[in-house]
Amino acid sequence: MSNPLKRMMIVTATGLTLLTLTGCYGTQGVNNSSEVNQQVEPCAAIRTLTDSYEQQFRDIRKAQRSLDRITIWSTDYQIVGSSCEIWGWQGGNYNYVCHYVAPDQSSAEEIYQRAKSTIRRCLPAQWTMQENALAQSPGSKAVFSLPEFGGVIDLRMLQTRGITTSRWAVYLMIGDYNSQL
């Protein structure tokens, strides 16, 4: 299977996932620089990200902040709301990461299940899905992979600790798999 065909498979699956996610909570599509709320077809947006992944997302990085084991760049390239970032991990792994904080656990579960179902329906049989509970917090993750492709589609639903209450979030990561999360 050729690399462009593999790329198109991941682009289609991830684009449909984002379409499912955005349909659930009403984001405005992709925002590039000053073109806020610009409507872009999800597969075209993902195609851009897949191409950018090959260069460690250098072309869409903005302001940088460094922490102990990770460098985080802001980006004007927003697919899910306005919460997307680029994460550069020690060791040279990179991810484009978007998240959505759900109003409650059942909403997070619905978004996660719909996105997972969309990805599963769209990927050919050669792709595998590993799904299991998260180790560090309540929640689930589904990682779709194809050995010949360097990146993964990593979808997670998890409970986060707030100051007074717990919250639920759904993350979509495009790029290198990271077992630290």
N, C-alpha and C. Protein backbone atom coordinates (compact mmCIF):
# COMPACT_ATOMS: atom_id res chain seq x y z
N MET A 1 0.86 -1.17 0.00
CA MET A 1 0.00 0.00 0.00
C MET A 1 0.90 1.23 0.00
N SER A 2 0.64 2.18 -0.90
CA SER A 2 1.49 3.36 -1.03
C SER A 2 1.29 4.33 0.12
N ASN A 3 2.35 5.12 0.40
CA ASN A 3 2.30 6.09 1.49
C ASN A 3 1.19 7.12 1.29
N PRO A 4 0.95 7.67 0.06
CA PRO A 4 -0.17 8.61 -0.10
C PRO A 4 -1.52 7.96 0.21
N LEU A 5 -1.70 6.69 -0.12
CA LEU A 5 -2.95 6.00 0.18
C LEU A 5 -3.12 5.85 1.69
N LYS A 6 -2.04 5.48 2.37
CA LYS A 6 -2.10 5.36 3.83
C LYS A 6 -2.42 6.71 4.45
N ARG A 7 -1.79 7.77 3.94
CA ARG A 7 -2.03 9.10 4.47
C ARG A 7 -3.49 9.49 4.26
N MET A 8 -4.05 9.17 3.11
CA MET A 8 -5.45 9.51 2.85
C MET A 8 -6.37 8.74 3.79
N MET A 9 -6.03 7.50 4.13
CA MET A 9 -6.85 6.73 5.06
C MET A 9 -6.87 7.40 6.43
N ILE A 10 -5.70 7.82 6.92
CA ILE A 10 -5.68 8.46 8.23
C ILE A 10 -6.34 9.82 8.17
N VAL A 11 -6.17 10.53 7.05
CA VAL A 11 -6.80 11.84 6.89
C VAL A 11 -8.31 11.70 6.92
N THR A 12 -8.85 10.75 6.18
CA THR A 12 -10.29 10.56 6.14
C THR A 12 -10.83 10.17 7.50
N ALA A 13 -10.20 9.23 8.16
CA ALA A 13 -10.69 8.79 9.47
C ALA A 13 -10.64 9.90 10.50
N THR A 14 -9.54 10.63 10.53
CA THR A 14 -9.41 11.68 11.51
C THR A 14 -10.33 12.84 11.18
N GLY A 15 -10.49 13.13 9.90
CA GLY A 15 -11.42 14.19 9.50
C GLY A 15 -12.84 13.88 9.92
N LEU A 16 -13.25 12.64 9.74
CA LEU A 16 -14.59 12.25 10.16
C LEU A 16 -14.72 12.28 11.67
N THR A 17 -13.66 11.93 12.36
CA THR A 17 -13.67 12.01 13.82
C THR A 17 -13.90 13.45 14.26
N LEU A 18 -13.15 14.35 13.68
CA LEU A 18 -13.30 15.76 14.06
C LEU A 18 -14.67 16.28 13.68
N LEU A 19 -15.19 15.85 12.54
CA LEU A 19 -16.53 16.26 12.16
C LEU A 19 -17.53 15.78 13.21
N THR A 20 -17.37 14.54 13.66
CA THR A 20 -18.23 14.02 14.71
C THR A 20 -18.08 14.83 15.98
N LEU A 21 -16.85 15.10 16.38
CA LEU A 21 -16.61 15.86 17.60
C LEU A 21 -17.17 17.27 17.48
N THR A 22 -16.89 17.95 16.38
CA THR A 22 -17.36 19.33 16.25
C THR A 22 -18.86 19.38 16.15
N GLY A 23 -19.48 18.37 15.58
CA GLY A 23 -20.93 18.35 15.52
C GLY A 23 -21.55 18.23 16.90
N CYS A 24 -20.83 17.64 17.82
CA CYS A 24 -21.36 17.47 19.17
C CYS A 24 -21.31 18.73 20.01
N TYR A 25 -20.34 19.60 19.75
CA TYR A 25 -20.26 20.77 20.61
C TYR A 25 -20.02 22.07 19.89
N GLY A 26 -20.32 22.11 18.61
CA GLY A 26 -20.45 23.36 17.88
C GLY A 26 -19.23 24.24 17.77
N THR A 27 -18.08 23.71 17.36
CA THR A 27 -16.95 24.58 17.12
C THR A 27 -17.11 25.25 15.77
N GLN A 28 -16.19 26.11 15.46
CA GLN A 28 -16.31 26.92 14.26
C GLN A 28 -15.42 26.48 13.12
N GLY A 29 -14.83 25.32 13.16
CA GLY A 29 -13.97 24.89 12.08
C GLY A 29 -12.53 25.31 12.32
N VAL A 30 -11.77 25.43 11.26
CA VAL A 30 -10.36 25.74 11.34
C VAL A 30 -10.17 27.25 11.37
N ASN A 31 -9.31 27.70 12.24
CA ASN A 31 -8.96 29.12 12.30
C ASN A 31 -7.50 29.26 11.93
N ASN A 32 -7.21 29.94 10.84
CA ASN A 32 -5.85 30.21 10.43
C ASN A 32 -5.55 31.68 10.64
N SER A 33 -4.53 31.98 11.45
CA SER A 33 -4.10 33.34 11.73
C SER A 33 -5.28 34.23 12.03
N SER A 34 -5.48 35.28 11.19
CA SER A 34 -6.55 36.23 11.47
C SER A 34 -7.89 35.80 10.90
N GLU A 35 -7.95 34.70 10.21
CA GLU A 35 -9.20 34.26 9.59
C GLU A 35 -10.00 33.43 10.59
N VAL A 36 -10.45 34.09 11.65
CA VAL A 36 -11.17 33.41 12.72
C VAL A 36 -12.50 32.88 12.21
N ASN A 37 -12.87 31.68 12.67
CA ASN A 37 -14.12 31.02 12.33
C ASN A 37 -14.25 30.66 10.86
N GLN A 38 -13.15 30.53 10.17
CA GLN A 38 -13.17 30.12 8.77
C GLN A 38 -13.65 28.68 8.68
N GLN A 39 -14.62 28.41 7.82
CA GLN A 39 -15.12 27.05 7.64
C GLN A 39 -14.24 26.31 6.64
N VAL A 40 -13.66 25.19 7.05
CA VAL A 40 -12.82 24.38 6.20
C VAL A 40 -13.28 22.93 6.32
N GLU A 41 -13.32 22.26 5.20
CA GLU A 41 -13.71 20.86 5.18
C GLU A 41 -12.73 20.08 6.06
N PRO A 42 -13.23 19.26 7.00
CA PRO A 42 -12.35 18.59 7.97
C PRO A 42 -11.24 17.76 7.34
N CYS A 43 -11.51 17.06 6.26
CA CYS A 43 -10.45 16.24 5.66
C CYS A 43 -9.32 17.09 5.11
N ALA A 44 -9.64 18.25 4.56
CA ALA A 44 -8.60 19.16 4.07
C ALA A 44 -7.75 19.67 5.23
N ALA A 45 -8.38 19.95 6.35
CA ALA A 45 -7.64 20.41 7.53
C ALA A 45 -6.71 19.31 8.02
N ILE A 46 -7.20 18.09 8.07
CA ILE A 46 -6.37 16.99 8.54
C ILE A 46 -5.25 16.70 7.56
N ARG A 47 -5.52 16.82 6.27
CA ARG A 47 -4.48 16.62 5.25
C ARG A 47 -3.33 17.60 5.50
N THR A 48 -3.69 18.85 5.81
CA THR A 48 -2.68 19.85 6.14
C THR A 48 -1.87 19.41 7.36
N LEU A 49 -2.56 18.92 8.38
CA LEU A 49 -1.86 18.48 9.60
C LEU A 49 -1.00 17.26 9.34
N THR A 50 -1.47 16.33 8.52
CA THR A 50 -0.69 15.13 8.21
C THR A 50 0.59 15.52 7.48
N ASP A 51 0.49 16.44 6.53
CA ASP A 51 1.69 16.93 5.84
C ASP A 51 2.61 17.66 6.82
N SER A 52 2.03 18.45 7.70
CA SER A 52 2.81 19.20 8.68
C SER A 52 3.51 18.27 9.67
N TYR A 53 2.87 17.16 9.99
CA TYR A 53 3.46 16.17 10.91
C TYR A 53 4.83 15.70 10.42
N GLU A 54 4.98 15.56 9.11
CA GLU A 54 6.25 15.10 8.54
C GLU A 54 7.40 16.05 8.86
N GLN A 55 7.08 17.34 9.12
CA GLN A 55 8.09 18.34 9.49
C GLN A 55 7.94 18.74 10.96
N GLN A 56 7.42 17.85 11.77
CA GLN A 56 7.23 18.07 13.20
C GLN A 56 6.40 19.33 13.47
N PHE A 57 5.45 19.61 12.59
CA PHE A 57 4.51 20.72 12.70
C PHE A 57 5.20 22.08 12.72
N ARG A 58 6.43 22.18 12.19
CA ARG A 58 7.17 23.45 12.22
C ARG A 58 6.42 24.59 11.54
N ASP A 59 5.69 24.29 10.48
CA ASP A 59 5.03 25.35 9.71
C ASP A 59 3.83 25.96 10.41
N ILE A 60 3.32 25.34 11.48
CA ILE A 60 2.16 25.91 12.17
C ILE A 60 2.44 26.24 13.63
N ARG A 61 3.69 26.13 14.04
CA ARG A 61 4.06 26.49 15.42
C ARG A 61 4.06 28.00 15.60
N LYS A 62 3.66 28.43 16.77
CA LYS A 62 3.71 29.85 17.16
C LYS A 62 4.52 29.96 18.45
N ALA A 63 4.01 30.69 19.42
CA ALA A 63 4.73 30.94 20.67
C ALA A 63 5.06 29.63 21.39
N GLN A 64 6.25 29.57 21.93
CA GLN A 64 6.75 28.37 22.59
C GLN A 64 6.88 28.59 24.09
N ARG A 65 6.54 27.54 24.84
CA ARG A 65 6.85 27.52 26.27
C ARG A 65 7.42 26.13 26.58
N SER A 66 8.46 26.13 27.40
CA SER A 66 9.14 24.87 27.71
C SER A 66 8.90 24.49 29.15
N LEU A 67 8.62 23.22 29.34
CA LEU A 67 8.46 22.65 30.66
C LEU A 67 9.56 21.60 30.84
N ASP A 68 9.49 20.81 31.88
CA ASP A 68 10.54 19.86 32.19
C ASP A 68 10.81 18.87 31.05
N ARG A 69 9.79 18.18 30.58
CA ARG A 69 9.99 17.14 29.56
C ARG A 69 9.24 17.39 28.27
N ILE A 70 8.68 18.58 28.13
CA ILE A 70 7.85 18.86 26.97
C ILE A 70 7.97 20.34 26.59
N THR A 71 7.93 20.57 25.30
CA THR A 71 7.83 21.93 24.78
C THR A 71 6.45 22.03 24.13
N ILE A 72 5.75 23.11 24.43
CA ILE A 72 4.41 23.31 23.89
C ILE A 72 4.40 24.58 23.06
N TRP A 73 3.87 24.46 21.85
CA TRP A 73 3.73 25.61 20.98
C TRP A 73 2.24 25.92 20.83
N SER A 74 1.91 27.18 20.84
CA SER A 74 0.56 27.57 20.46
C SER A 74 0.49 27.46 18.94
N THR A 75 -0.71 27.46 18.41
CA THR A 75 -0.89 27.42 16.97
C THR A 75 -2.17 28.17 16.62
N ASP A 76 -2.14 28.82 15.47
CA ASP A 76 -3.35 29.45 14.97
C ASP A 76 -4.21 28.44 14.22
N TYR A 77 -3.68 27.26 14.00
CA TYR A 77 -4.39 26.23 13.24
C TYR A 77 -5.27 25.45 14.20
N GLN A 78 -6.52 25.84 14.30
CA GLN A 78 -7.46 25.27 15.27
C GLN A 78 -8.51 24.44 14.56
N ILE A 79 -8.65 23.20 14.97
CA ILE A 79 -9.67 22.32 14.40
C ILE A 79 -10.81 22.14 15.38
N VAL A 80 -10.52 21.92 16.62
CA VAL A 80 -11.55 21.69 17.64
C VAL A 80 -11.52 22.88 18.59
N GLY A 81 -12.48 23.78 18.45
CA GLY A 81 -12.54 24.95 19.31
C GLY A 81 -11.31 25.82 19.15
N SER A 82 -10.75 26.25 20.27
CA SER A 82 -9.54 27.07 20.24
C SER A 82 -8.52 26.51 21.21
N SER A 83 -8.53 25.21 21.38
CA SER A 83 -7.69 24.58 22.40
C SER A 83 -6.63 23.65 21.82
N CYS A 84 -6.26 23.83 20.56
CA CYS A 84 -5.28 22.95 19.94
C CYS A 84 -3.87 23.50 20.14
N GLU A 85 -2.92 22.59 20.37
CA GLU A 85 -1.52 22.93 20.58
C GLU A 85 -0.64 21.88 19.92
N ILE A 86 0.64 22.18 19.85
CA ILE A 86 1.62 21.22 19.37
C ILE A 86 2.51 20.88 20.55
N TRP A 87 2.66 19.60 20.79
CA TRP A 87 3.48 19.13 21.91
C TRP A 87 4.72 18.45 21.35
N GLY A 88 5.89 18.89 21.79
CA GLY A 88 7.16 18.27 21.43
C GLY A 88 7.77 17.63 22.66
N TRP A 89 7.89 16.32 22.63
CA TRP A 89 8.35 15.56 23.79
C TRP A 89 9.84 15.34 23.73
N GLN A 90 10.47 15.17 24.90
CA GLN A 90 11.86 14.74 24.94
C GLN A 90 11.97 13.46 24.14
N GLY A 91 12.99 13.34 23.35
CA GLY A 91 13.14 12.14 22.54
C GLY A 91 12.67 12.34 21.11
N GLY A 92 12.11 13.49 20.79
CA GLY A 92 11.77 13.80 19.41
C GLY A 92 10.40 13.40 18.93
N ASN A 93 9.44 13.14 19.80
CA ASN A 93 8.08 12.84 19.36
C ASN A 93 7.24 14.11 19.35
N TYR A 94 6.30 14.18 18.41
CA TYR A 94 5.46 15.37 18.25
C TYR A 94 4.01 14.99 18.06
N ASN A 95 3.14 15.82 18.65
CA ASN A 95 1.70 15.61 18.52
C ASN A 95 1.00 16.94 18.33
N TYR A 96 0.00 16.93 17.48
CA TYR A 96 -0.97 18.01 17.39
C TYR A 96 -2.12 17.54 18.28
N VAL A 97 -2.45 18.33 19.30
CA VAL A 97 -3.40 17.88 20.32
C VAL A 97 -4.54 18.88 20.46
N CYS A 98 -5.76 18.37 20.42
CA CYS A 98 -6.95 19.18 20.67
C CYS A 98 -7.74 18.52 21.79
N HIS A 99 -8.42 19.33 22.57
CA HIS A 99 -9.25 18.75 23.63
C HIS A 99 -10.53 19.55 23.78
N TYR A 100 -11.49 18.87 24.37
CA TYR A 100 -12.78 19.47 24.67
C TYR A 100 -13.16 19.05 26.08
N VAL A 101 -13.50 20.01 26.92
CA VAL A 101 -13.97 19.72 28.26
C VAL A 101 -15.49 19.61 28.18
N ALA A 102 -15.99 18.43 28.48
CA ALA A 102 -17.42 18.14 28.39
C ALA A 102 -18.15 18.66 29.62
N PRO A 103 -19.44 18.94 29.48
CA PRO A 103 -20.21 19.41 30.63
C PRO A 103 -20.41 18.33 31.70
N ASP A 104 -20.31 17.04 31.29
CA ASP A 104 -20.49 15.96 32.25
C ASP A 104 -19.94 14.66 31.66
N GLN A 105 -19.91 13.62 32.47
CA GLN A 105 -19.36 12.35 32.05
C GLN A 105 -20.13 11.74 30.88
N SER A 106 -21.46 11.80 30.90
CA SER A 106 -22.23 11.18 29.83
C SER A 106 -22.00 11.88 28.50
N SER A 107 -21.83 13.19 28.49
CA SER A 107 -21.52 13.91 27.25
C SER A 107 -20.14 13.51 26.73
N ALA A 108 -19.17 13.40 27.61
CA ALA A 108 -17.83 12.98 27.21
C ALA A 108 -17.87 11.57 26.63
N GLU A 109 -18.61 10.68 27.27
CA GLU A 109 -18.73 9.30 26.80
C GLU A 109 -19.38 9.25 25.41
N GLU A 110 -20.43 10.05 25.21
CA GLU A 110 -21.10 10.08 23.91
C GLU A 110 -20.16 10.57 22.81
N ILE A 111 -19.42 11.64 23.07
CA ILE A 111 -18.48 12.17 22.08
C ILE A 111 -17.41 11.13 21.78
N TYR A 112 -16.85 10.53 22.81
CA TYR A 112 -15.81 9.52 22.65
C TYR A 112 -16.32 8.32 21.83
N GLN A 113 -17.49 7.80 22.18
CA GLN A 113 -18.04 6.63 21.48
C GLN A 113 -18.34 6.93 20.01
N ARG A 114 -18.92 8.10 19.76
CA ARG A 114 -19.22 8.47 18.37
C ARG A 114 -17.95 8.63 17.55
N ALA A 115 -16.94 9.26 18.12
CA ALA A 115 -15.69 9.45 17.41
C ALA A 115 -15.01 8.10 17.15
N LYS A 116 -14.99 7.25 18.15
CA LYS A 116 -14.38 5.92 18.00
C LYS A 116 -15.09 5.12 16.92
N SER A 117 -16.41 5.15 16.94
CA SER A 117 -17.20 4.43 15.95
C SER A 117 -16.92 4.94 14.53
N THR A 118 -16.82 6.25 14.40
CA THR A 118 -16.54 6.83 13.09
C THR A 118 -15.17 6.39 12.58
N ILE A 119 -14.17 6.43 13.44
CA ILE A 119 -12.83 6.00 13.04
C ILE A 119 -12.85 4.53 12.64
N ARG A 120 -13.46 3.70 13.45
CA ARG A 120 -13.49 2.26 13.17
C ARG A 120 -14.16 1.98 11.83
N ARG A 121 -15.28 2.65 11.54
CA ARG A 121 -16.00 2.44 10.27
C ARG A 121 -15.17 2.87 9.08
N CYS A 122 -14.36 3.88 9.24
CA CYS A 122 -13.65 4.47 8.11
C CYS A 122 -12.32 3.80 7.78
N LEU A 123 -11.70 3.16 8.74
CA LEU A 123 -10.39 2.57 8.49
C LEU A 123 -10.51 1.19 7.87
N PRO A 124 -9.61 0.87 6.93
CA PRO A 124 -9.59 -0.48 6.36
C PRO A 124 -9.22 -1.52 7.41
N ALA A 125 -9.43 -2.75 7.08
CA ALA A 125 -9.21 -3.86 8.01
C ALA A 125 -7.76 -3.96 8.49
N GLN A 126 -6.80 -3.42 7.72
CA GLN A 126 -5.39 -3.52 8.13
C GLN A 126 -5.09 -2.71 9.39
N TRP A 127 -5.89 -1.70 9.65
CA TRP A 127 -5.68 -0.89 10.84
C TRP A 127 -6.14 -1.67 12.06
N THR A 128 -5.43 -1.50 13.14
CA THR A 128 -5.84 -2.14 14.39
C THR A 128 -6.25 -1.07 15.39
N MET A 129 -7.10 -1.47 16.31
CA MET A 129 -7.50 -0.58 17.38
C MET A 129 -7.22 -1.28 18.69
N GLN A 130 -6.50 -0.61 19.54
CA GLN A 130 -6.28 -1.08 20.90
C GLN A 130 -7.07 -0.16 21.81
N GLU A 131 -7.99 -0.70 22.56
CA GLU A 131 -8.77 0.12 23.49
C GLU A 131 -8.64 -0.47 24.88
N ASN A 132 -8.43 0.41 25.83
CA ASN A 132 -8.39 -0.03 27.22
C ASN A 132 -8.60 1.15 28.15
N ALA A 133 -8.69 0.83 29.42
CA ALA A 133 -8.86 1.87 30.44
C ALA A 133 -7.54 2.60 30.63
N LEU A 134 -7.63 3.84 31.03
CA LEU A 134 -6.43 4.62 31.32
C LEU A 134 -5.84 4.16 32.65
N ALA A 135 -4.54 4.24 32.76
CA ALA A 135 -3.87 3.76 33.97
C ALA A 135 -3.93 4.78 35.11
N GLN A 136 -3.80 6.09 34.79
CA GLN A 136 -3.68 7.08 35.84
C GLN A 136 -4.97 7.75 36.27
N SER A 137 -6.03 7.61 35.49
CA SER A 137 -7.29 8.25 35.86
C SER A 137 -8.45 7.48 35.25
N PRO A 138 -9.66 7.71 35.74
CA PRO A 138 -10.81 7.07 35.11
C PRO A 138 -10.92 7.52 33.66
N GLY A 139 -11.25 6.61 32.79
CA GLY A 139 -11.41 6.95 31.38
C GLY A 139 -10.95 5.84 30.47
N SER A 140 -10.98 6.11 29.17
CA SER A 140 -10.64 5.12 28.15
C SER A 140 -9.80 5.75 27.07
N LYS A 141 -9.09 4.89 26.35
CA LYS A 141 -8.35 5.35 25.18
C LYS A 141 -8.49 4.34 24.07
N ALA A 142 -8.54 4.84 22.86
CA ALA A 142 -8.56 4.02 21.66
C ALA A 142 -7.44 4.52 20.75
N VAL A 143 -6.51 3.64 20.44
CA VAL A 143 -5.38 4.01 19.59
C VAL A 143 -5.47 3.18 18.32
N PHE A 144 -5.60 3.88 17.20
CA PHE A 144 -5.68 3.24 15.89
C PHE A 144 -4.31 3.35 15.24
N SER A 145 -3.81 2.22 14.72
CA SER A 145 -2.48 2.25 14.13
C SER A 145 -2.38 1.31 12.94
N LEU A 146 -1.39 1.60 12.13
CA LEU A 146 -1.01 0.77 10.99
C LEU A 146 0.50 0.72 11.03
N PRO A 147 1.12 -0.47 11.13
CA PRO A 147 2.57 -0.54 11.32
C PRO A 147 3.39 0.26 10.30
N GLU A 148 2.92 0.34 9.07
CA GLU A 148 3.68 1.03 8.04
C GLU A 148 3.58 2.56 8.14
N PHE A 149 2.68 3.04 8.94
CA PHE A 149 2.49 4.48 9.09
C PHE A 149 3.11 4.93 10.41
N GLY A 150 3.86 5.99 10.41
CA GLY A 150 4.58 6.44 11.60
C GLY A 150 3.70 7.01 12.70
N GLY A 151 2.58 7.63 12.36
CA GLY A 151 1.73 8.27 13.34
C GLY A 151 0.54 7.40 13.72
N VAL A 152 -0.23 7.90 14.65
CA VAL A 152 -1.44 7.19 15.10
C VAL A 152 -2.58 8.19 15.25
N ILE A 153 -3.77 7.64 15.36
CA ILE A 153 -4.93 8.40 15.80
C ILE A 153 -5.17 7.94 17.23
N ASP A 154 -5.06 8.86 18.15
CA ASP A 154 -5.15 8.53 19.58
C ASP A 154 -6.31 9.33 20.16
N LEU A 155 -7.35 8.64 20.55
CA LEU A 155 -8.56 9.26 21.08
C LEU A 155 -8.70 8.86 22.54
N ARG A 156 -8.91 9.86 23.41
CA ARG A 156 -9.00 9.56 24.85
C ARG A 156 -10.14 10.31 25.49
N MET A 157 -10.76 9.66 26.45
CA MET A 157 -11.75 10.28 27.33
C MET A 157 -11.22 10.08 28.74
N LEU A 158 -11.13 11.18 29.50
CA LEU A 158 -10.58 11.05 30.83
C LEU A 158 -11.19 12.02 31.82
N GLN A 159 -11.10 11.63 33.06
CA GLN A 159 -11.58 12.48 34.14
C GLN A 159 -10.41 13.31 34.63
N THR A 160 -10.64 14.60 34.76
CA THR A 160 -9.61 15.50 35.27
C THR A 160 -10.02 16.00 36.65
N ARG A 161 -9.08 16.35 37.42
CA ARG A 161 -9.36 16.84 38.77
C ARG A 161 -9.43 18.36 38.75
N GLY A 162 -10.57 18.90 39.13
CA GLY A 162 -10.72 20.34 39.28
C GLY A 162 -10.48 20.72 40.73
N ILE A 163 -10.52 21.99 41.01
CA ILE A 163 -10.31 22.45 42.39
C ILE A 163 -11.42 21.94 43.28
N THR A 164 -12.66 22.05 42.81
CA THR A 164 -13.78 21.62 43.64
C THR A 164 -14.53 20.41 43.08
N THR A 165 -14.48 20.21 41.79
CA THR A 165 -15.19 19.08 41.18
C THR A 165 -14.35 18.43 40.10
N SER A 166 -14.72 17.22 39.75
CA SER A 166 -14.07 16.53 38.64
C SER A 166 -14.72 16.97 37.34
N ARG A 167 -13.96 16.93 36.29
CA ARG A 167 -14.47 17.23 34.95
C ARG A 167 -14.06 16.10 34.01
N TRP A 168 -14.74 16.03 32.88
CA TRP A 168 -14.42 15.04 31.87
C TRP A 168 -13.99 15.74 30.59
N ALA A 169 -12.99 15.19 29.92
CA ALA A 169 -12.47 15.78 28.69
C ALA A 169 -12.26 14.68 27.65
N VAL A 170 -12.30 15.09 26.39
CA VAL A 170 -12.00 14.20 25.27
C VAL A 170 -10.83 14.82 24.52
N TYR A 171 -9.80 14.02 24.28
CA TYR A 171 -8.60 14.46 23.57
C TYR A 171 -8.50 13.71 22.24
N LEU A 172 -8.07 14.43 21.22
CA LEU A 172 -7.73 13.81 19.94
C LEU A 172 -6.30 14.22 19.63
N MET A 173 -5.43 13.22 19.46
CA MET A 173 -4.03 13.49 19.17
C MET A 173 -3.67 12.90 17.82
N ILE A 174 -2.96 13.68 17.04
CA ILE A 174 -2.50 13.24 15.73
C ILE A 174 -0.99 13.32 15.76
N GLY A 175 -0.33 12.20 15.52
CA GLY A 175 1.12 12.21 15.51
C GLY A 175 1.69 10.97 16.14
N ASP A 176 2.80 11.15 16.86
CA ASP A 176 3.51 10.03 17.46
C ASP A 176 2.76 9.52 18.68
N TYR A 177 2.78 8.21 18.87
CA TYR A 177 2.17 7.63 20.05
C TYR A 177 3.04 7.96 21.26
N ASN A 178 2.41 8.26 22.37
CA ASN A 178 3.15 8.58 23.58
C ASN A 178 2.55 7.81 24.75
N SER A 179 3.29 6.86 25.26
CA SER A 179 2.81 6.03 26.36
C SER A 179 2.83 6.76 27.70
N GLN A 180 3.44 7.96 27.76
CA GLN A 180 3.49 8.71 29.01
C GLN A 180 2.14 9.30 29.37
N LEU A 181 1.24 9.39 28.42
CA LEU A 181 -0.07 10.00 28.69
C LEU A 181 -1.07 8.98 29.18
